[in-house]
PDB file of N, CA and C in Angstrom:
ATOM      1  N   MET A   1     -11.085   2.016 -22.989  1.00  0.00           N
ATOM      2  CA  MET A   1      -9.694   2.174 -22.665  1.00  0.00           C
ATOM      3  C   MET A   1      -8.958   2.581 -23.936  1.00  0.00           C
ATOM      4  N   ALA A   2      -8.078   3.544 -23.795  1.00  0.00           N
ATOM      5  CA  ALA A   2      -7.340   4.036 -24.945  1.00  0.00           C
ATOM      6  C   ALA A   2      -5.841   3.977 -24.665  1.00  0.00           C
ATOM      7  N   ARG A   3      -5.077   3.839 -25.726  1.00  0.00           N
ATOM      8  CA  ARG A   3      -3.627   3.883 -25.608  1.00  0.00           C
ATOM      9  C   ARG A   3      -3.138   5.199 -26.184  1.00  0.00           C
ATOM     10  N   ALA A   4      -2.150   5.770 -25.517  1.00  0.00           N
ATOM     11  CA  ALA A   4      -1.599   7.037 -25.998  1.00  0.00           C
ATOM     12  C   ALA A   4      -0.084   6.966 -25.906  1.00  0.00           C
ATOM     13  N   ASP A   5       0.534   6.287 -26.870  1.00  0.00           N
ATOM     14  CA  ASP A   5       1.987   6.150 -26.867  1.00  0.00           C
ATOM     15  C   ASP A   5       2.654   7.482 -27.185  1.00  0.00           C
ATOM     16  N   ASP A   6       3.582   7.874 -26.322  1.00  0.00           N
ATOM     17  CA  ASP A   6       4.378   9.092 -26.516  1.00  0.00           C
ATOM     18  C   ASP A   6       3.534  10.350 -26.694  1.00  0.00           C
ATOM     19  N   HIS A   7       2.480  10.489 -25.937  1.00  0.00           N
ATOM     20  CA  HIS A   7       1.667  11.702 -26.012  1.00  0.00           C
ATOM     21  C   HIS A   7       2.391  12.803 -25.237  1.00  0.00           C
ATOM     22  N   PRO A   8       2.659  13.958 -25.845  1.00  0.00           N
ATOM     23  CA  PRO A   8       3.466  14.989 -25.193  1.00  0.00           C
ATOM     24  C   PRO A   8       2.829  15.582 -23.928  1.00  0.00           C
ATOM     25  N   LEU A   9       1.512  15.660 -23.854  1.00  0.00           N
ATOM     26  CA  LEU A   9       0.868  16.234 -22.678  1.00  0.00           C
ATOM     27  C   LEU A   9       0.916  15.308 -21.470  1.00  0.00           C
ATOM     28  N   LEU A  10       0.958  14.020 -21.710  1.00  0.00           N
ATOM     29  CA  LEU A  10       0.925  13.046 -20.621  1.00  0.00           C
ATOM     30  C   LEU A  10       2.263  12.344 -20.415  1.00  0.00           C
ATOM     31  N   GLN A  11       3.320  12.853 -21.018  1.00  0.00           N
ATOM     32  CA  GLN A  11       4.643  12.248 -20.931  1.00  0.00           C
ATOM     33  C   GLN A  11       5.077  12.126 -19.472  1.00  0.00           C
ATOM     34  N   GLY A  12       5.336  10.921 -19.009  1.00  0.00           N
ATOM     35  CA  GLY A  12       5.809  10.688 -17.644  1.00  0.00           C
ATOM     36  C   GLY A  12       4.730  10.770 -16.585  1.00  0.00           C
ATOM     37  N   PHE A  13       3.497  10.977 -16.968  1.00  0.00           N
ATOM     38  CA  PHE A  13       2.397  11.111 -16.011  1.00  0.00           C
ATOM     39  C   PHE A  13       1.723   9.769 -15.777  1.00  0.00           C
ATOM     40  N   SER A  14       1.336   9.517 -14.533  1.00  0.00           N
ATOM     41  CA  SER A  14       0.483   8.373 -14.221  1.00  0.00           C
ATOM     42  C   SER A  14      -0.332   8.748 -13.003  1.00  0.00           C
ATOM     43  N   GLY A  15      -1.542   8.242 -12.944  1.00  0.00           N
ATOM     44  CA  GLY A  15      -2.418   8.547 -11.819  1.00  0.00           C
ATOM     45  C   GLY A  15      -3.776   8.995 -12.313  1.00  0.00           C
ATOM     46  N   GLN A  16      -4.553   9.474 -11.372  1.00  0.00           N
ATOM     47  CA  GLN A  16      -5.912   9.854 -11.731  1.00  0.00           C
ATOM     48  C   GLN A  16      -6.006  11.325 -12.104  1.00  0.00           C
ATOM     49  N   ILE A  17      -6.957  11.613 -12.952  1.00  0.00           N
ATOM     50  CA  ILE A  17      -7.284  12.990 -13.324  1.00  0.00           C
ATOM     51  C   ILE A  17      -8.700  13.204 -12.832  1.00  0.00           C
ATOM     52  N   GLY A  18      -8.799  13.843 -11.669  1.00  0.00           N
ATOM     53  CA  GLY A  18     -10.093  14.024 -11.021  1.00  0.00           C
ATOM     54  C   GLY A  18     -10.724  12.674 -10.754  1.00  0.00           C
ATOM     55  N   LYS A  19     -12.024  12.584 -10.939  1.00  0.00           N
ATOM     56  CA  LYS A  19     -12.732  11.312 -10.822  1.00  0.00           C
ATOM     57  C   LYS A  19     -13.203  10.868 -12.210  1.00  0.00           C
ATOM     58  N   LEU A  20     -12.476  11.323 -13.236  1.00  0.00           N
ATOM     59  CA  LEU A  20     -12.871  11.033 -14.610  1.00  0.00           C
ATOM     60  C   LEU A  20     -12.088   9.895 -15.237  1.00  0.00           C
ATOM     61  N   MET A  21     -10.762   9.954 -15.141  1.00  0.00           N
ATOM     62  CA  MET A  21      -9.939   8.967 -15.828  1.00  0.00           C
ATOM     63  C   MET A  21      -8.674   8.673 -15.048  1.00  0.00           C
ATOM     64  N   VAL A  22      -8.043   7.563 -15.421  1.00  0.00           N
ATOM     65  CA  VAL A  22      -6.797   7.120 -14.818  1.00  0.00           C
ATOM     66  C   VAL A  22      -5.796   6.880 -15.934  1.00  0.00           C
ATOM     67  N   VAL A  23      -4.578   7.383 -15.742  1.00  0.00           N
ATOM     68  CA  VAL A  23      -3.506   7.170 -16.711  1.00  0.00           C
ATOM     69  C   VAL A  23      -2.541   6.166 -16.084  1.00  0.00           C
ATOM     70  N   LYS A  24      -2.279   5.068 -16.803  1.00  0.00           N
ATOM     71  CA  LYS A  24      -1.411   4.008 -16.301  1.00  0.00           C
ATOM     72  C   LYS A  24      -0.246   3.818 -17.259  1.00  0.00           C
ATOM     73  N   GLN A  25       0.904   3.468 -16.702  1.00  0.00           N
ATOM     74  CA  GLN A  25       2.092   3.208 -17.507  1.00  0.00           C
ATOM     75  C   GLN A  25       2.428   1.722 -17.410  1.00  0.00           C
ATOM     76  N   TYR A  26       2.516   1.033 -18.525  1.00  0.00           N
ATOM     77  CA  TYR A  26       2.931  -0.357 -18.593  1.00  0.00           C
ATOM     78  C   TYR A  26       4.124  -0.441 -19.529  1.00  0.00           C
ATOM     79  N   LYS A  27       5.312  -0.597 -18.950  1.00  0.00           N
ATOM     80  CA  LYS A  27       6.563  -0.623 -19.718  1.00  0.00           C
ATOM     81  C   LYS A  27       6.619   0.580 -20.650  1.00  0.00           C
ATOM     82  N   ASN A  28       6.485   0.369 -21.947  1.00  0.00           N
ATOM     83  CA  ASN A  28       6.570   1.503 -22.883  1.00  0.00           C
ATOM     84  C   ASN A  28       5.207   1.925 -23.405  1.00  0.00           C
ATOM     85  N   LYS A  29       4.122   1.480 -22.752  1.00  0.00           N
ATOM     86  CA  LYS A  29       2.778   1.828 -23.198  1.00  0.00           C
ATOM     87  C   LYS A  29       2.068   2.671 -22.147  1.00  0.00           C
ATOM     88  N   MET A  30       1.289   3.606 -22.608  1.00  0.00           N
ATOM     89  CA  MET A  30       0.472   4.440 -21.738  1.00  0.00           C
ATOM     90  C   MET A  30      -0.990   4.083 -22.002  1.00  0.00           C
ATOM     91  N   VAL A  31      -1.748   3.817 -20.933  1.00  0.00           N
ATOM     92  CA  VAL A  31      -3.143   3.444 -21.068  1.00  0.00           C
ATOM     93  C   VAL A  31      -3.995   4.462 -20.325  1.00  0.00           C
ATOM     94  N   ILE A  32      -5.034   4.923 -20.967  1.00  0.00           N
ATOM     95  CA  ILE A  32      -5.977   5.853 -20.355  1.00  0.00           C
ATOM     96  C   ILE A  32      -7.290   5.098 -20.192  1.00  0.00           C
ATOM     97  N   ALA A  33      -7.764   5.021 -18.930  1.00  0.00           N
ATOM     98  CA  ALA A  33      -8.975   4.254 -18.643  1.00  0.00           C
ATOM     99  C   ALA A  33      -9.945   5.097 -17.828  1.00  0.00           C
ATOM    100  N   ARG A  34     -11.189   4.673 -17.822  1.00  0.00           N
ATOM    101  CA  ARG A  34     -12.207   5.328 -17.010  1.00  0.00           C
ATOM    102  C   ARG A  34     -11.874   5.128 -15.536  1.00  0.00           C
ATOM    103  N   TYR A  35     -12.193   6.105 -14.703  1.00  0.00           N
ATOM    104  CA  TYR A  35     -11.992   5.995 -13.264  1.00  0.00           C
ATOM    105  C   TYR A  35     -12.860   4.839 -12.751  1.00  0.00           C
ATOM    106  N   PRO A  36     -12.295   3.939 -11.941  1.00  0.00           N
ATOM    107  CA  PRO A  36     -13.061   2.771 -11.521  1.00  0.00           C
ATOM    108  C   PRO A  36     -14.204   3.108 -10.567  1.00  0.00           C
ATOM    109  N   ARG A  37     -15.318   2.409 -10.733  1.00  0.00           N
ATOM    110  CA  ARG A  37     -16.464   2.557  -9.830  1.00  0.00           C
ATOM    111  C   ARG A  37     -16.339   1.483  -8.764  1.00  0.00           C
ATOM    112  N   MET A  38     -16.060   1.891  -7.557  1.00  0.00           N
ATOM    113  CA  MET A  38     -15.863   0.938  -6.472  1.00  0.00           C
ATOM    114  C   MET A  38     -17.086   0.844  -5.559  1.00  0.00           C
ATOM    115  N   ASP A  39     -18.129   1.609  -5.858  1.00  0.00           N
ATOM    116  CA  ASP A  39     -19.300   1.617  -4.988  1.00  0.00           C
ATOM    117  C   ASP A  39     -20.082   0.303  -5.040  1.00  0.00           C
ATOM    118  N   GLN A  40     -19.914  -0.479  -6.081  1.00  0.00           N
ATOM    119  CA  GLN A  40     -20.647  -1.735  -6.198  1.00  0.00           C
ATOM    120  C   GLN A  40     -19.785  -2.950  -5.842  1.00  0.00           C
ATOM    121  N   VAL A  41     -18.549  -2.713  -5.403  1.00  0.00           N
ATOM    122  CA  VAL A  41     -17.650  -3.801  -5.038  1.00  0.00           C
ATOM    123  C   VAL A  41     -17.847  -4.124  -3.562  1.00  0.00           C
ATOM    124  N   LYS A  42     -18.140  -5.371  -3.273  1.00  0.00           N
ATOM    125  CA  LYS A  42     -18.348  -5.801  -1.896  1.00  0.00           C
ATOM    126  C   LYS A  42     -17.195  -6.727  -1.519  1.00  0.00           C
ATOM    127  N   PRO A  43     -16.412  -6.352  -0.488  1.00  0.00           N
ATOM    128  CA  PRO A  43     -15.284  -7.206  -0.117  1.00  0.00           C
ATOM    129  C   PRO A  43     -15.759  -8.546   0.447  1.00  0.00           C
ATOM    130  N   THR A  44     -14.950  -9.566   0.225  1.00  0.00           N
ATOM    131  CA  THR A  44     -15.261 -10.881   0.759  1.00  0.00           C
ATOM    132  C   THR A  44     -14.969 -10.910   2.253  1.00  0.00           C
ATOM    133  N   LYS A  45     -15.391 -11.954   2.914  1.00  0.00           N
ATOM    134  CA  LYS A  45     -15.136 -12.121   4.351  1.00  0.00           C
ATOM    135  C   LYS A  45     -13.627 -12.159   4.612  1.00  0.00           C
ATOM    136  N   LYS A  46     -12.903 -12.865   3.752  1.00  0.00           N
ATOM    137  CA  LYS A  46     -11.449 -12.969   3.898  1.00  0.00           C
ATOM    138  C   LYS A  46     -10.778 -11.593   3.758  1.00  0.00           C
ATOM    139  N   GLN A  47     -11.245 -10.790   2.784  1.00  0.00           N
ATOM    140  CA  GLN A  47     -10.683  -9.452   2.602  1.00  0.00           C
ATOM    141  C   GLN A  47     -10.966  -8.582   3.819  1.00  0.00           C
ATOM    142  N   THR A  48     -12.175  -8.670   4.341  1.00  0.00           N
ATOM    143  CA  THR A  48     -12.549  -7.890   5.522  1.00  0.00           C
ATOM    144  C   THR A  48     -11.681  -8.278   6.712  1.00  0.00           C
ATOM    145  N   ASP A  49     -11.454  -9.588   6.881  1.00  0.00           N
ATOM    146  CA  ASP A  49     -10.607 -10.062   7.980  1.00  0.00           C
ATOM    147  C   ASP A  49      -9.176  -9.571   7.817  1.00  0.00           C
ATOM    148  N   ARG A  50      -8.648  -9.648   6.597  1.00  0.00           N
ATOM    149  CA  ARG A  50      -7.278  -9.191   6.329  1.00  0.00           C
ATOM    150  C   ARG A  50      -7.127  -7.689   6.588  1.00  0.00           C
ATOM    151  N   ARG A  51      -8.122  -6.924   6.199  1.00  0.00           N
ATOM    152  CA  ARG A  51      -8.073  -5.470   6.422  1.00  0.00           C
ATOM    153  C   ARG A  51      -8.065  -5.152   7.909  1.00  0.00           C
ATOM    154  N   LYS A  52      -8.818  -5.926   8.679  1.00  0.00           N
ATOM    155  CA  LYS A  52      -8.858  -5.727  10.129  1.00  0.00           C
ATOM    156  C   LYS A  52      -7.482  -6.019  10.734  1.00  0.00           C
ATOM    157  N   ILE A  53      -6.865  -7.119  10.316  1.00  0.00           N
ATOM    158  CA  ILE A  53      -5.533  -7.471  10.807  1.00  0.00           C
ATOM    159  C   ILE A  53      -4.525  -6.401  10.415  1.00  0.00           C
ATOM    160  N   PHE A  54      -4.604  -5.912   9.182  1.00  0.00           N
ATOM    161  CA  PHE A  54      -3.662  -4.886   8.734  1.00  0.00           C
ATOM    162  C   PHE A  54      -3.854  -3.591   9.516  1.00  0.00           C
ATOM    163  N   LYS A  55      -5.095  -3.238   9.816  1.00  0.00           N
ATOM    164  CA  LYS A  55      -5.384  -2.039  10.601  1.00  0.00           C
ATOM    165  C   LYS A  55      -4.759  -2.162  11.992  1.00  0.00           C
ATOM    166  N   GLU A  56      -4.860  -3.346  12.591  1.00  0.00           N
ATOM    167  CA  GLU A  56      -4.244  -3.587  13.895  1.00  0.00           C
ATOM    168  C   GLU A  56      -2.729  -3.523  13.795  1.00  0.00           C
ATOM    169  N   ALA A  57      -2.167  -4.038  12.698  1.00  0.00           N
ATOM    170  CA  ALA A  57      -0.718  -4.007  12.488  1.00  0.00           C
ATOM    171  C   ALA A  57      -0.211  -2.575  12.371  1.00  0.00           C
ATOM    172  N   VAL A  58      -0.953  -1.740  11.672  1.00  0.00           N
ATOM    173  CA  VAL A  58      -0.562  -0.331  11.527  1.00  0.00           C
ATOM    174  C   VAL A  58      -0.590   0.367  12.886  1.00  0.00           C
ATOM    175  N   ALA A  59      -1.624   0.096  13.685  1.00  0.00           N
ATOM    176  CA  ALA A  59      -1.715   0.695  15.025  1.00  0.00           C
ATOM    177  C   ALA A  59      -0.536   0.250  15.883  1.00  0.00           C
ATOM    178  N   TYR A  60      -0.167  -1.033  15.802  1.00  0.00           N
ATOM    179  CA  TYR A  60       0.962  -1.568  16.557  1.00  0.00           C
ATOM    180  C   TYR A  60       2.265  -0.899  16.120  1.00  0.00           C
ATOM    181  N   ALA A  61       2.478  -0.803  14.823  1.00  0.00           N
ATOM    182  CA  ALA A  61       3.709  -0.205  14.304  1.00  0.00           C
ATOM    183  C   ALA A  61       3.810   1.274  14.677  1.00  0.00           C
ATOM    184  N   LYS A  62       2.684   1.981  14.646  1.00  0.00           N
ATOM    185  CA  LYS A  62       2.689   3.396  15.037  1.00  0.00           C
ATOM    186  C   LYS A  62       3.005   3.550  16.520  1.00  0.00           C
ATOM    187  N   GLU A  63       2.457   2.641  17.325  1.00  0.00           N
ATOM    188  CA  GLU A  63       2.731   2.683  18.771  1.00  0.00           C
ATOM    189  C   GLU A  63       4.222   2.489  19.042  1.00  0.00           C
ATOM    190  N   ILE A  64       4.843   1.526  18.379  1.00  0.00           N
ATOM    191  CA  ILE A  64       6.285   1.277  18.524  1.00  0.00           C
ATOM    192  C   ILE A  64       7.066   2.490  18.044  1.00  0.00           C
ATOM    193  N   ASN A  65       6.697   3.025  16.909  1.00  0.00           N
ATOM    194  CA  ASN A  65       7.426   4.129  16.294  1.00  0.00           C
ATOM    195  C   ASN A  65       7.301   5.430  17.086  1.00  0.00           C
ATOM    196  N   ASN A  66       6.184   5.627  17.776  1.00  0.00           N
ATOM    197  CA  ASN A  66       5.962   6.871  18.513  1.00  0.00           C
ATOM    198  C   ASN A  66       6.516   6.854  19.934  1.00  0.00           C
ATOM    199  N   SER A  67       6.916   5.695  20.428  1.00  0.00           N
ATOM    200  CA  SER A  67       7.500   5.592  21.761  1.00  0.00           C
ATOM    201  C   SER A  67       9.022   5.546  21.627  1.00  0.00           C
ATOM    202  N   LYS A  68       9.703   6.519  22.217  1.00  0.00           N
ATOM    203  CA  LYS A  68      11.164   6.590  22.087  1.00  0.00           C
ATOM    204  C   LYS A  68      11.841   5.344  22.644  1.00  0.00           C
ATOM    205  N   GLU A  69      11.361   4.851  23.792  1.00  0.00           N
ATOM    206  CA  GLU A  69      11.976   3.682  24.418  1.00  0.00           C
ATOM    207  C   GLU A  69      11.772   2.424  23.564  1.00  0.00           C
ATOM    208  N   LYS A  70      10.533   2.214  23.133  1.00  0.00           N
ATOM    209  CA  LYS A  70      10.229   1.025  22.329  1.00  0.00           C
ATOM    210  C   LYS A  70      10.946   1.072  20.988  1.00  0.00           C
ATOM    211  N   LYS A  71      11.004   2.267  20.400  1.00  0.00           N
ATOM    212  CA  LYS A  71      11.652   2.411  19.100  1.00  0.00           C
ATOM    213  C   LYS A  71      13.145   2.127  19.206  1.00  0.00           C
ATOM    214  N   ALA A  72      13.778   2.633  20.264  1.00  0.00           N
ATOM    215  CA  ALA A  72      15.215   2.409  20.459  1.00  0.00           C
ATOM    216  C   ALA A  72      15.504   0.930  20.687  1.00  0.00           C
ATOM    217  N   ALA A  73      14.666   0.277  21.499  1.00  0.00           N
ATOM    218  CA  ALA A  73      14.853  -1.152  21.753  1.00  0.00           C
ATOM    219  C   ALA A  73      14.648  -1.963  20.481  1.00  0.00           C
ATOM    220  N   TYR A  74      13.697  -1.589  19.707  1.00  0.00           N
ATOM    221  CA  TYR A  74      13.384  -2.296  18.456  1.00  0.00           C
ATOM    222  C   TYR A  74      14.499  -2.085  17.437  1.00  0.00           C
ATOM    223  N   ALA A  75      15.033  -0.864  17.389  1.00  0.00           N
ATOM    224  CA  ALA A  75      16.072  -0.529  16.406  1.00  0.00           C
ATOM    225  C   ALA A  75      17.346  -1.336  16.636  1.00  0.00           C
ATOM    226  N   LYS A  76      17.587  -1.757  17.866  1.00  0.00           N
ATOM    227  CA  LYS A  76      18.782  -2.544  18.163  1.00  0.00           C
ATOM    228  C   LYS A  76      18.759  -3.890  17.447  1.00  0.00           C
ATOM    229  N   LYS A  77      17.581  -4.415  17.193  1.00  0.00           N
ATOM    230  CA  LYS A  77      17.442  -5.719  16.543  1.00  0.00           C
ATOM    231  C   LYS A  77      17.584  -5.634  15.026  1.00  0.00           C
ATOM    232  N   LEU A  78      17.530  -4.433  14.472  1.00  0.00           N
ATOM    233  CA  LEU A  78      17.492  -4.259  13.017  1.00  0.00           C
ATOM    234  C   LEU A  78      18.853  -3.921  12.435  1.00  0.00           C
ATOM    235  N   LYS A  79      18.961  -4.141  11.128  1.00  0.00           N
ATOM    236  CA  LYS A  79      20.158  -3.731  10.409  1.00  0.00           C
ATOM    237  C   LYS A  79      20.178  -2.217  10.315  1.00  0.00           C
ATOM    238  N   LYS A  80      21.360  -1.665  10.112  1.00  0.00           N
ATOM    239  CA  LYS A  80      21.499  -0.219   9.982  1.00  0.00           C
ATOM    240  C   LYS A  80      20.681   0.283   8.798  1.00  0.00           C
ATOM    241  N   GLY A  81      19.908   1.340   9.024  1.00  0.00           N
ATOM    242  CA  GLY A  81      19.106   1.946   7.975  1.00  0.00           C
ATOM    243  C   GLY A  81      17.738   1.316   7.783  1.00  0.00           C
ATOM    244  N   ALA A  82      17.454   0.228   8.503  1.00  0.00           N
ATOM    245  CA  ALA A  82      16.151  -0.428   8.372  1.00  0.00           C
ATOM    246  C   ALA A  82      15.089   0.388   9.108  1.00  0.00           C
ATOM    247  N   SER A  83      13.878   0.361   8.619  1.00  0.00           N
ATOM    248  CA  SER A  83      12.777   1.127   9.188  1.00  0.00           C
ATOM    249  C   SER A  83      12.129   0.358  10.338  1.00  0.00           C
ATOM    250  N   VAL A  84      12.082   0.989  11.497  1.00  0.00           N
ATOM    251  CA  VAL A  84      11.442   0.379  12.665  1.00  0.00           C
ATOM    252  C   VAL A  84       9.962   0.164  12.381  1.00  0.00           C
ATOM    253  N   TYR A  85       9.319   1.149  11.771  1.00  0.00           N
ATOM    254  CA  TYR A  85       7.894   1.062  11.463  1.00  0.00           C
ATOM    255  C   TYR A  85       7.597  -0.149  10.583  1.00  0.00           C
ATOM    256  N   HIS A  86       8.347  -0.298   9.492  1.00  0.00           N
ATOM    257  CA  HIS A  86       8.101  -1.396   8.565  1.00  0.00           C
ATOM    258  C   HIS A  86       8.438  -2.754   9.176  1.00  0.00           C
ATOM    259  N   ALA A  87       9.473  -2.795  10.001  1.00  0.00           N
ATOM    260  CA  ALA A  87       9.829  -4.056  10.657  1.00  0.00           C
ATOM    261  C   ALA A  87       8.751  -4.462  11.662  1.00  0.00           C
ATOM    262  N   ALA A  88       8.216  -3.508  12.412  1.00  0.00           N
ATOM    263  CA  ALA A  88       7.154  -3.803  13.370  1.00  0.00           C
ATOM    264  C   ALA A  88       5.884  -4.232  12.645  1.00  0.00           C
ATOM    265  N   LEU A  89       5.582  -3.574  11.557  1.00  0.00           N
ATOM    266  CA  LEU A  89       4.416  -3.934  10.746  1.00  0.00           C
ATOM    267  C   LEU A  89       4.554  -5.363  10.225  1.00  0.00           C
ATOM    268  N   SER A  90       5.711  -5.682   9.692  1.00  0.00           N
ATOM    269  CA  SER A  90       5.973  -7.006   9.156  1.00  0.00           C
ATOM    270  C   SER A  90       5.902  -8.073  10.244  1.00  0.00           C
ATOM    271  N   GLU A  91       6.485  -7.786  11.393  1.00  0.00           N
ATOM    272  CA  GLU A  91       6.475  -8.738  12.499  1.00  0.00           C
ATOM    273  C   GLU A  91       5.047  -9.030  12.957  1.00  0.00           C
ATOM    274  N   PHE A  92       4.242  -8.001  13.105  1.00  0.00           N
ATOM    275  CA  PHE A  92       2.857  -8.180  13.535  1.00  0.00           C
ATOM    276  C   PHE A  92       2.091  -9.037  12.531  1.00  0.00           C
ATOM    277  N   LEU A  93       2.271  -8.742  11.256  1.00  0.00           N
ATOM    278  CA  LEU A  93       1.559  -9.488  10.224  1.00  0.00           C
ATOM    279  C   LEU A  93       1.985 -10.957  10.190  1.00  0.00           C
ATOM    280  N   LYS A  94       3.264 -11.230  10.419  1.00  0.00           N
ATOM    281  CA  LYS A  94       3.726 -12.611  10.448  1.00  0.00           C
ATOM    282  C   LYS A  94       3.149 -13.359  11.633  1.00  0.00           C
ATOM    283  N   LEU A  95       3.045 -12.685  12.776  1.00  0.00           N
ATOM    284  CA  LEU A  95       2.528 -13.328  13.986  1.00  0.00           C
ATOM    285  C   LEU A  95       1.021 -13.508  13.947  1.00  0.00           C
ATOM    286  N   HIS A  96       0.305 -12.510  13.432  1.00  0.00           N
ATOM    287  CA  HIS A  96      -1.154 -12.515  13.498  1.00  0.00           C
ATOM    288  C   HIS A  96      -1.841 -12.796  12.174  1.00  0.00           C
ATOM    289  N   GLY A  97      -1.177 -12.491  11.075  1.00  0.00           N
ATOM    290  CA  GLY A  97      -1.808 -12.663   9.774  1.00  0.00           C
ATOM    291  C   GLY A  97      -1.566 -14.021   9.176  1.00  0.00           C
ATOM    292  N   GLY A  98      -0.367 -14.522   9.375  1.00  0.00           N
ATOM    293  CA  GLY A  98      -0.022 -15.814   8.805  1.00  0.00           C
ATOM    294  C   GLY A  98       0.039 -15.767   7.295  1.00  0.00           C
ATOM    295  N   LYS A  99       0.524 -16.816   6.700  1.00  0.00           N
ATOM    296  CA  LYS A  99       0.607 -16.910   5.230  1.00  0.00           C
ATOM    297  C   LYS A  99      -0.487 -17.846   4.747  1.00  0.00           C
ATOM    298  N   GLY A 100      -1.173 -17.437   3.709  1.00  0.00           N
ATOM    299  CA  GLY A 100      -2.176 -18.278   3.080  1.00  0.00           C
ATOM    300  C   GLY A 100      -3.405 -18.530   3.927  1.00  0.00           C
ATOM    301  N   ARG A 101      -3.646 -17.667   4.863  1.00  0.00           N
ATOM    302  CA  ARG A 101      -4.802 -17.821   5.749  1.00  0.00           C
ATOM    303  C   ARG A 101      -6.055 -17.347   5.132  1.00  0.00           C
TER     304      ARG A 101
END
């Protein structure tokens, strides 16, 4: 891992460069690191369960958002400017995901 404070070529840049390296910004420091190898990472049972719940939540939120009737009914419950998609996602996760599960 290398630090590159105020490097002119990477000024304001963050993210990956191909599959070679990642540039990260931490406050006033820039860090250049190797691209992470995720092929050897095995998710835990809890992570797998959470991902399944989140996948179901996304499907639910998309269903609400894509139906004009459901979206209009849902929008009535929200504050002005609030996202129906995000509110539906949050509601599903609270009902099915729980906290600290």
